[in-house]
PDB file of N, CA and C in Angstrom:
ATOM      1  N   MET A   1      99.604  75.487 123.278  1.00  0.00           N
ATOM      2  CA  MET A   1      98.798  76.636 122.922  1.00  0.00           C
ATOM      3  C   MET A   1      97.381  76.416 123.439  1.00  0.00           C
ATOM      4  N   LEU A   2      96.840  77.413 124.068  1.00  0.00           N
ATOM      5  CA  LEU A   2      95.496  77.354 124.628  1.00  0.00           C
ATOM      6  C   LEU A   2      94.482  77.782 123.572  1.00  0.00           C
ATOM      7  N   GLU A   3      93.532  76.920 123.289  1.00  0.00           N
ATOM      8  CA  GLU A   3      92.478  77.260 122.333  1.00  0.00           C
ATOM      9  C   GLU A   3      91.258  77.757 123.076  1.00  0.00           C
ATOM     10  N   ARG A   4      90.625  78.803 122.513  1.00  0.00           N
ATOM     11  CA  ARG A   4      89.389  79.301 123.081  1.00  0.00           C
ATOM     12  C   ARG A   4      88.266  78.964 122.119  1.00  0.00           C
ATOM     13  N   SER A   5      87.104  78.746 122.663  1.00  0.00           N
ATOM     14  CA  SER A   5      85.940  78.516 121.806  1.00  0.00           C
ATOM     15  C   SER A   5      84.888  79.565 122.140  1.00  0.00           C
ATOM     16  N   PHE A   6      84.092  79.885 121.131  1.00  0.00           N
ATOM     17  CA  PHE A   6      83.068  80.901 121.273  1.00  0.00           C
ATOM     18  C   PHE A   6      81.749  80.337 120.777  1.00  0.00           C
ATOM     19  N   SER A   7      80.666  80.687 121.429  1.00  0.00           N
ATOM     20  CA  SER A   7      79.352  80.323 120.918  1.00  0.00           C
ATOM     21  C   SER A   7      78.985  81.304 119.810  1.00  0.00           C
ATOM     22  N   LEU A   8      78.093  80.900 118.925  1.00  0.00           N
ATOM     23  CA  LEU A   8      77.657  81.786 117.850  1.00  0.00           C
ATOM     24  C   LEU A   8      76.989  83.032 118.416  1.00  0.00           C
ATOM     25  N   ASN A   9      76.211  82.876 119.478  1.00  0.00           N
ATOM     26  CA  ASN A   9      75.567  84.041 120.101  1.00  0.00           C
ATOM     27  C   ASN A   9      76.595  85.008 120.676  1.00  0.00           C
ATOM     28  N   ASN A  10      77.670  84.474 121.235  1.00  0.00           N
ATOM     29  CA  ASN A  10      78.732  85.320 121.776  1.00  0.00           C
ATOM     30  C   ASN A  10      79.421  86.089 120.651  1.00  0.00           C
ATOM     31  N   LEU A  11      79.681  85.429 119.529  1.00  0.00           N
ATOM     32  CA  LEU A  11      80.309  86.098 118.392  1.00  0.00           C
ATOM     33  C   LEU A  11      79.431  87.217 117.847  1.00  0.00           C
ATOM     34  N   LYS A  12      78.116  87.041 117.896  1.00  0.00           N
ATOM     35  CA  LYS A  12      77.199  88.044 117.353  1.00  0.00           C
ATOM     36  C   LYS A  12      77.181  89.339 118.165  1.00  0.00           C
ATOM     37  N   THR A  13      77.686  89.320 119.392  1.00  0.00           N
ATOM     38  CA  THR A  13      77.723  90.528 120.215  1.00  0.00           C
ATOM     39  C   THR A  13      79.020  91.307 120.055  1.00  0.00           C
ATOM     40  N   MET A  14      79.977  90.744 119.318  1.00  0.00           N
ATOM     41  CA  MET A  14      81.277  91.396 119.147  1.00  0.00           C
ATOM     42  C   MET A  14      81.264  92.334 117.949  1.00  0.00           C
ATOM     43  N   GLU A  15      81.885  93.494 118.119  1.00  0.00           N
ATOM     44  CA  GLU A  15      81.960  94.461 117.037  1.00  0.00           C
ATOM     45  C   GLU A  15      83.024  94.026 116.027  1.00  0.00           C
ATOM     46  N   ILE A  16      82.740  94.245 114.735  1.00  0.00           N
ATOM     47  CA  ILE A  16      83.667  93.905 113.664  1.00  0.00           C
ATOM     48  C   ILE A  16      84.442  95.166 113.285  1.00  0.00           C
ATOM     49  N   ILE A  17      85.773  95.065 113.257  1.00  0.00           N
ATOM     50  CA  ILE A  17      86.617  96.189 112.873  1.00  0.00           C
ATOM     51  C   ILE A  17      87.541  95.750 111.748  1.00  0.00           C
ATOM     52  N   ASP A  18      87.581  96.562 110.684  1.00  0.00           N
ATOM     53  CA  ASP A  18      88.455  96.298 109.548  1.00  0.00           C
ATOM     54  C   ASP A  18      89.791  96.979 109.813  1.00  0.00           C
ATOM     55  N   ILE A  19      90.854  96.182 109.969  1.00  0.00           N
ATOM     56  CA  ILE A  19      92.165  96.755 110.295  1.00  0.00           C
ATOM     57  C   ILE A  19      92.828  97.405 109.085  1.00  0.00           C
ATOM     58  N   SER A  20      92.371  97.094 107.868  1.00  0.00           N
ATOM     59  CA  SER A  20      92.996  97.689 106.686  1.00  0.00           C
ATOM     60  C   SER A  20      92.620  99.160 106.514  1.00  0.00           C
ATOM     61  N   ILE A  21      91.441  99.552 107.017  1.00  0.00           N
ATOM     62  CA  ILE A  21      91.027 100.953 106.926  1.00  0.00           C
ATOM     63  C   ILE A  21      90.771 101.572 108.297  1.00  0.00           C
ATOM     64  N   GLY A  22      90.862 100.768 109.352  1.00  0.00           N
ATOM     65  CA  GLY A  22      90.672 101.273 110.702  1.00  0.00           C
ATOM     66  C   GLY A  22      89.255 101.731 110.985  1.00  0.00           C
ATOM     67  N   ALA A  23      88.275 101.001 110.439  1.00  0.00           N
ATOM     68  CA  ALA A  23      86.878 101.420 110.596  1.00  0.00           C
ATOM     69  C   ALA A  23      86.034 100.316 111.202  1.00  0.00           C
ATOM     70  N   ARG A  24      85.001 100.757 111.927  1.00  0.00           N
ATOM     71  CA  ARG A  24      84.001  99.817 112.436  1.00  0.00           C
ATOM     72  C   ARG A  24      83.102  99.401 111.286  1.00  0.00           C
ATOM     73  N   ILE A  25      82.824  98.111 111.196  1.00  0.00           N
ATOM     74  CA  ILE A  25      81.987  97.594 110.115  1.00  0.00           C
ATOM     75  C   ILE A  25      80.577  97.300 110.626  1.00  0.00           C
ATOM     76  N   GLY A  26      80.464  96.808 111.848  1.00  0.00           N
ATOM     77  CA  GLY A  26      79.156  96.489 112.410  1.00  0.00           C
ATOM     78  C   GLY A  26      79.212  95.238 113.256  1.00  0.00           C
ATOM     79  N   TYR A  27      78.101  94.531 113.291  1.00  0.00           N
ATOM     80  CA  TYR A  27      77.980  93.310 114.086  1.00  0.00           C
ATOM     81  C   TYR A  27      77.508  92.171 113.192  1.00  0.00           C
ATOM     82  N   ILE A  28      77.843  90.953 113.572  1.00  0.00           N
ATOM     83  CA  ILE A  28      77.434  89.771 112.812  1.00  0.00           C
ATOM     84  C   ILE A  28      75.924  89.591 112.945  1.00  0.00           C
ATOM     85  N   ASN A  29      75.262  89.415 111.811  1.00  0.00           N
ATOM     86  CA  ASN A  29      73.834  89.110 111.814  1.00  0.00           C
ATOM     87  C   ASN A  29      73.561  87.654 111.507  1.00  0.00           C
ATOM     88  N   ASP A  30      74.455  87.041 110.733  1.00  0.00           N
ATOM     89  CA  ASP A  30      74.229  85.663 110.330  1.00  0.00           C
ATOM     90  C   ASP A  30      75.561  85.031 109.942  1.00  0.00           C
ATOM     91  N   PHE A  31      75.520  83.730 109.717  1.00  0.00           N
ATOM     92  CA  PHE A  31      76.703  82.984 109.322  1.00  0.00           C
ATOM     93  C   PHE A  31      76.381  82.159 108.086  1.00  0.00           C
ATOM     94  N   LYS A  32      77.360  81.963 107.227  1.00  0.00           N
ATOM     95  CA  LYS A  32      77.232  81.030 106.109  1.00  0.00           C
ATOM     96  C   LYS A  32      78.030  79.793 106.519  1.00  0.00           C
ATOM     97  N   ILE A  33      77.357  78.638 106.563  1.00  0.00           N
ATOM     98  CA  ILE A  33      77.962  77.425 107.109  1.00  0.00           C
ATOM     99  C   ILE A  33      77.960  76.319 106.068  1.00  0.00           C
ATOM    100  N   ASP A  34      79.075  75.587 105.983  1.00  0.00           N
ATOM    101  CA  ASP A  34      79.173  74.387 105.155  1.00  0.00           C
ATOM    102  C   ASP A  34      78.730  73.214 106.029  1.00  0.00           C
ATOM    103  N   THR A  35      77.551  72.705 105.764  1.00  0.00           N
ATOM    104  CA  THR A  35      76.998  71.647 106.615  1.00  0.00           C
ATOM    105  C   THR A  35      77.654  70.291 106.373  1.00  0.00           C
ATOM    106  N   ASP A  36      78.290  70.125 105.231  1.00  0.00           N
ATOM    107  CA  ASP A  36      78.987  68.862 104.967  1.00  0.00           C
ATOM    108  C   ASP A  36      80.303  68.774 105.735  1.00  0.00           C
ATOM    109  N   LYS A  37      81.028  69.888 105.778  1.00  0.00           N
ATOM    110  CA  LYS A  37      82.331  69.906 106.454  1.00  0.00           C
ATOM    111  C   LYS A  37      82.251  70.472 107.865  1.00  0.00           C
ATOM    112  N   HIS A  38      81.056  70.916 108.283  1.00  0.00           N
ATOM    113  CA  HIS A  38      80.825  71.418 109.642  1.00  0.00           C
ATOM    114  C   HIS A  38      81.753  72.576 109.993  1.00  0.00           C
ATOM    115  N   ARG A  39      81.739  73.603 109.130  1.00  0.00           N
ATOM    116  CA  ARG A  39      82.581  74.765 109.408  1.00  0.00           C
ATOM    117  C   ARG A  39      81.920  76.038 108.897  1.00  0.00           C
ATOM    118  N   VAL A  40      82.319  77.156 109.487  1.00  0.00           N
ATOM    119  CA  VAL A  40      81.798  78.463 109.088  1.00  0.00           C
ATOM    120  C   VAL A  40      82.573  78.932 107.862  1.00  0.00           C
ATOM    121  N   LEU A  41      81.846  79.324 106.813  1.00  0.00           N
ATOM    122  CA  LEU A  41      82.476  79.818 105.591  1.00  0.00           C
ATOM    123  C   LEU A  41      82.624  81.336 105.596  1.00  0.00           C
ATOM    124  N   ALA A  42      81.611  82.033 106.141  1.00  0.00           N
ATOM    125  CA  ALA A  42      81.619  83.493 106.110  1.00  0.00           C
ATOM    126  C   ALA A  42      80.719  84.041 107.201  1.00  0.00           C
ATOM    127  N   ILE A  43      80.967  85.305 107.544  1.00  0.00           N
ATOM    128  CA  ILE A  43      80.073  86.019 108.443  1.00  0.00           C
ATOM    129  C   ILE A  43      79.287  87.010 107.599  1.00  0.00           C
ATOM    130  N   MET A  44      78.050  87.241 107.988  1.00  0.00           N
ATOM    131  CA  MET A  44      77.171  88.141 107.259  1.00  0.00           C
ATOM    132  C   MET A  44      76.846  89.325 108.158  1.00  0.00           C
ATOM    133  N   ILE A  45      77.011  90.534 107.606  1.00  0.00           N
ATOM    134  CA  ILE A  45      76.748  91.759 108.340  1.00  0.00           C
ATOM    135  C   ILE A  45      75.666  92.524 107.603  1.00  0.00           C
ATOM    136  N   MET A  46      74.633  92.966 108.333  1.00  0.00           N
ATOM    137  CA  MET A  46      73.537  93.695 107.708  1.00  0.00           C
ATOM    138  C   MET A  46      74.004  95.039 107.191  1.00  0.00           C
ATOM    139  N   TYR A  47      73.554  95.348 105.997  1.00  0.00           N
ATOM    140  CA  TYR A  47      73.901  96.591 105.329  1.00  0.00           C
ATOM    141  C   TYR A  47      72.609  97.193 104.819  1.00  0.00           C
ATOM    142  N   THR A  48      72.278  98.407 105.224  1.00  0.00           N
ATOM    143  CA  THR A  48      71.037  99.053 104.814  1.00  0.00           C
ATOM    144  C   THR A  48      71.355 100.297 104.007  1.00  0.00           C
ATOM    145  N   LYS A  49      70.823 100.356 102.810  1.00  0.00           N
ATOM    146  CA  LYS A  49      70.941 101.578 102.025  1.00  0.00           C
ATOM    147  C   LYS A  49      69.900 102.558 102.533  1.00  0.00           C
ATOM    148  N   THR A  50      70.300 103.795 102.719  1.00  0.00           N
ATOM    149  CA  THR A  50      69.373 104.801 103.207  1.00  0.00           C
ATOM    150  C   THR A  50      68.683 105.460 102.026  1.00  0.00           C
ATOM    151  N   SER A  51      67.404 105.174 101.890  1.00  0.00           N
ATOM    152  CA  SER A  51      66.589 105.791 100.841  1.00  0.00           C
ATOM    153  C   SER A  51      65.133 105.595 101.219  1.00  0.00           C
ATOM    154  N   TRP A  52      64.242 106.112 100.385  1.00  0.00           N
ATOM    155  CA  TRP A  52      62.812 105.946 100.652  1.00  0.00           C
ATOM    156  C   TRP A  52      62.410 104.485 100.608  1.00  0.00           C
ATOM    157  N   PHE A  53      63.019 103.757  99.723  1.00  0.00           N
ATOM    158  CA  PHE A  53      62.686 102.344  99.555  1.00  0.00           C
ATOM    159  C   PHE A  53      63.864 101.487  99.986  1.00  0.00           C
ATOM    160  N   SER A  54      64.333 101.713 101.205  1.00  0.00           N
ATOM    161  CA  SER A  54      65.512 100.999 101.677  1.00  0.00           C
ATOM    162  C   SER A  54      65.200  99.528 101.888  1.00  0.00           C
ATOM    163  N   ARG A  55      66.202  98.724 101.641  1.00  0.00           N
ATOM    164  CA  ARG A  55      66.075  97.290 101.876  1.00  0.00           C
ATOM    165  C   ARG A  55      67.362  96.805 102.517  1.00  0.00           C
ATOM    166  N   ASN A  56      67.251  95.727 103.231  1.00  0.00           N
ATOM    167  CA  ASN A  56      68.413  95.178 103.910  1.00  0.00           C
ATOM    168  C   ASN A  56      69.150  94.212 102.996  1.00  0.00           C
ATOM    169  N   ASN A  57      70.444  94.374 102.911  1.00  0.00           N
ATOM    170  CA  ASN A  57      71.328  93.463 102.217  1.00  0.00           C
ATOM    171  C   ASN A  57      72.373  93.019 103.219  1.00  0.00           C
ATOM    172  N   TYR A  58      73.189  92.079 102.819  1.00  0.00           N
ATOM    173  CA  TYR A  58      74.237  91.594 103.709  1.00  0.00           C
ATOM    174  C   TYR A  58      75.598  91.739 103.069  1.00  0.00           C
ATOM    175  N   LEU A  59      76.560  92.180 103.862  1.00  0.00           N
ATOM    176  CA  LEU A  59      77.957  92.130 103.470  1.00  0.00           C
ATOM    177  C   LEU A  59      78.451  90.751 103.866  1.00  0.00           C
ATOM    178  N   GLU A  60      79.081  90.053 102.938  1.00  0.00           N
ATOM    179  CA  GLU A  60      79.604  88.715 103.219  1.00  0.00           C
ATOM    180  C   GLU A  60      81.116  88.810 103.357  1.00  0.00           C
ATOM    181  N   ILE A  61      81.616  88.430 104.524  1.00  0.00           N
ATOM    182  CA  ILE A  61      83.051  88.465 104.794  1.00  0.00           C
ATOM    183  C   ILE A  61      83.527  87.035 105.004  1.00  0.00           C
ATOM    184  N   PRO A  62      84.398  86.545 104.113  1.00  0.00           N
ATOM    185  CA  PRO A  62      84.896  85.170 104.253  1.00  0.00           C
ATOM    186  C   PRO A  62      85.599  84.951 105.595  1.00  0.00           C
ATOM    187  N   TRP A  63      85.435  83.755 106.133  1.00  0.00           N
ATOM    188  CA  TRP A  63      86.000  83.420 107.439  1.00  0.00           C
ATOM    189  C   TRP A  63      87.520  83.579 107.446  1.00  0.00           C
ATOM    190  N   ASP A  64      88.176  83.314 106.317  1.00  0.00           N
ATOM    191  CA  ASP A  64      89.634  83.412 106.286  1.00  0.00           C
ATOM    192  C   ASP A  64      90.129  84.862 106.342  1.00  0.00           C
ATOM    193  N   LYS A  65      89.226  85.843 106.274  1.00  0.00           N
ATOM    194  CA  LYS A  65      89.600  87.247 106.418  1.00  0.00           C
ATOM    195  C   LYS A  65      89.608  87.695 107.884  1.00  0.00           C
ATOM    196  N   ILE A  66      89.196  86.816 108.787  1.00  0.00           N
ATOM    197  CA  ILE A  66      89.239  87.142 110.218  1.00  0.00           C
ATOM    198  C   ILE A  66      90.677  86.985 110.695  1.00  0.00           C
ATOM    199  N   VAL A  67      91.218  88.065 111.249  1.00  0.00           N
ATOM    200  CA  VAL A  67      92.596  88.082 111.716  1.00  0.00           C
ATOM    201  C   VAL A  67      92.677  87.632 113.172  1.00  0.00           C
ATOM    202  N   LYS A  68      91.765  88.145 113.991  1.00  0.00           N
ATOM    203  CA  LYS A  68      91.816  87.870 115.430  1.00  0.00           C
ATOM    204  C   LYS A  68      90.431  88.012 116.029  1.00  0.00           C
ATOM    205  N   ILE A  69      90.098  87.099 116.918  1.00  0.00           N
ATOM    206  CA  ILE A  69      88.873  87.206 117.708  1.00  0.00           C
ATOM    207  C   ILE A  69      89.308  87.476 119.143  1.00  0.00           C
ATOM    208  N   GLY A  70      88.979  88.662 119.627  1.00  0.00           N
ATOM    209  CA  GLY A  70      89.366  89.060 120.966  1.00  0.00           C
ATOM    210  C   GLY A  70      88.245  88.824 121.960  1.00  0.00           C
ATOM    211  N   VAL A  71      88.331  89.495 123.077  1.00  0.00           N
ATOM    212  CA  VAL A  71      87.341  89.355 124.133  1.00  0.00           C
ATOM    213  C   VAL A  71      86.003  89.970 123.719  1.00  0.00           C
ATOM    214  N   ASP A  72      86.047  91.145 123.074  1.00  0.00           N
ATOM    215  CA  ASP A  72      84.808  91.821 122.701  1.00  0.00           C
ATOM    216  C   ASP A  72      84.832  92.414 121.299  1.00  0.00           C
ATOM    217  N   VAL A  73      85.823  92.040 120.490  1.00  0.00           N
ATOM    218  CA  VAL A  73      85.944  92.580 119.141  1.00  0.00           C
ATOM    219  C   VAL A  73      86.496  91.512 118.198  1.00  0.00           C
ATOM    220  N   ILE A  74      86.106  91.603 116.930  1.00  0.00           N
ATOM    221  CA  ILE A  74      86.629  90.721 115.886  1.00  0.00           C
ATOM    222  C   ILE A  74      87.338  91.610 114.869  1.00  0.00           C
ATOM    223  N   LEU A  75      88.608  91.323 114.637  1.00  0.00           N
ATOM    224  CA  LEU A  75      89.384  92.089 113.674  1.00  0.00           C
ATOM    225  C   LEU A  75      89.411  91.343 112.348  1.00  0.00           C
ATOM    226  N   ILE A  76      89.097  92.054 111.266  1.00  0.00           N
ATOM    227  CA  ILE A  76      89.156  91.449 109.938  1.00  0.00           C
ATOM    228  C   ILE A  76      90.126  92.239 109.070  1.00  0.00           C
ATOM    229  N   ASP A  77      90.647  91.578 108.046  1.00  0.00           N
ATOM    230  CA  ASP A  77      91.469  92.246 107.048  1.00  0.00           C
ATOM    231  C   ASP A  77      90.615  92.431 105.812  1.00  0.00           C
ATOM    232  N   GLY A  78      90.137  93.650 105.602  1.00  0.00           N
ATOM    233  CA  GLY A  78      89.245  93.937 104.485  1.00  0.00           C
ATOM    234  C   GLY A  78      89.969  94.240 103.187  1.00  0.00           C
ATOM    235  N   THR A  79      91.295  94.042 103.155  1.00  0.00           N
ATOM    236  CA  THR A  79      92.044  94.257 101.929  1.00  0.00           C
ATOM    237  C   THR A  79      91.502  93.352 100.830  1.00  0.00           C
ATOM    238  N   ASN A  80      91.316  93.912  99.668  1.00  0.00           N
ATOM    239  CA  ASN A  80      90.787  93.196  98.488  1.00  0.00           C
ATOM    240  C   ASN A  80      89.321  92.782  98.646  1.00  0.00           C
ATOM    241  N   LEU A  81      88.651  93.292  99.652  1.00  0.00           N
ATOM    242  CA  LEU A  81      87.205  93.074  99.789  1.00  0.00           C
ATOM    243  C   LEU A  81      86.529  94.397  99.476  1.00  0.00           C
ATOM    244  N   ASP A  82      85.469  94.344  98.706  1.00  0.00           N
ATOM    245  CA  ASP A  82      84.705  95.560  98.447  1.00  0.00           C
ATOM    246  C   ASP A  82      83.582  95.597  99.465  1.00  0.00           C
ATOM    247  N   LEU A  83      83.859  96.136 100.637  1.00  0.00           N
ATOM    248  CA  LEU A  83      82.888  96.118 101.725  1.00  0.00           C
ATOM    249  C   LEU A  83      81.715  97.057 101.487  1.00  0.00           C
ATOM    250  N   LEU A  84      81.788  97.855 100.457  1.00  0.00           N
ATOM    251  CA  LEU A  84      80.662  98.742 100.161  1.00  0.00           C
ATOM    252  C   LEU A  84      79.657  98.104  99.223  1.00  0.00           C
ATOM    253  N   GLN A  85      79.975  96.955  98.665  1.00  0.00           N
ATOM    254  CA  GLN A  85      79.066  96.255  97.764  1.00  0.00           C
ATOM    255  C   GLN A  85      78.390  95.105  98.498  1.00  0.00           C
ATOM    256  N   PRO A  86      77.110  95.198  98.760  1.00  0.00           N
ATOM    257  CA  PRO A  86      76.421  94.151  99.516  1.00  0.00           C
ATOM    258  C   PRO A  86      76.244  92.894  98.696  1.00  0.00           C
ATOM    259  N   SER A  87      76.138  91.772  99.411  1.00  0.00           N
ATOM    260  CA  SER A  87      75.808  90.478  98.819  1.00  0.00           C
ATOM    261  C   SER A  87      74.323  90.259  99.004  1.00  0.00           C
ATOM    262  N   ASN A  88      73.628  89.786  97.983  1.00  0.00           N
ATOM    263  CA  ASN A  88      72.176  89.555  98.096  1.00  0.00           C
ATOM    264  C   ASN A  88      71.892  88.188  98.630  1.00  0.00           C
TER     265      ASN A  88
END
């Protein structure tokens, strides 16, 4: 089996698509990393509420919810994730 590797900057340019609802979620803004085990725990996607006093929050998607990383897209399974509730 051929393994591919991706740089973090390359992953940040890929669009995130939730296959459970067939919707675009956005792009990776940040990563949550376990520095002891040297692995990515979650991807963080910016979420902005539209209001007069809008602030940026992040949607946190666990790494194990990633189904496939393609050439220019990342597919996630958003089942059992409340993607409308941001993580602070």
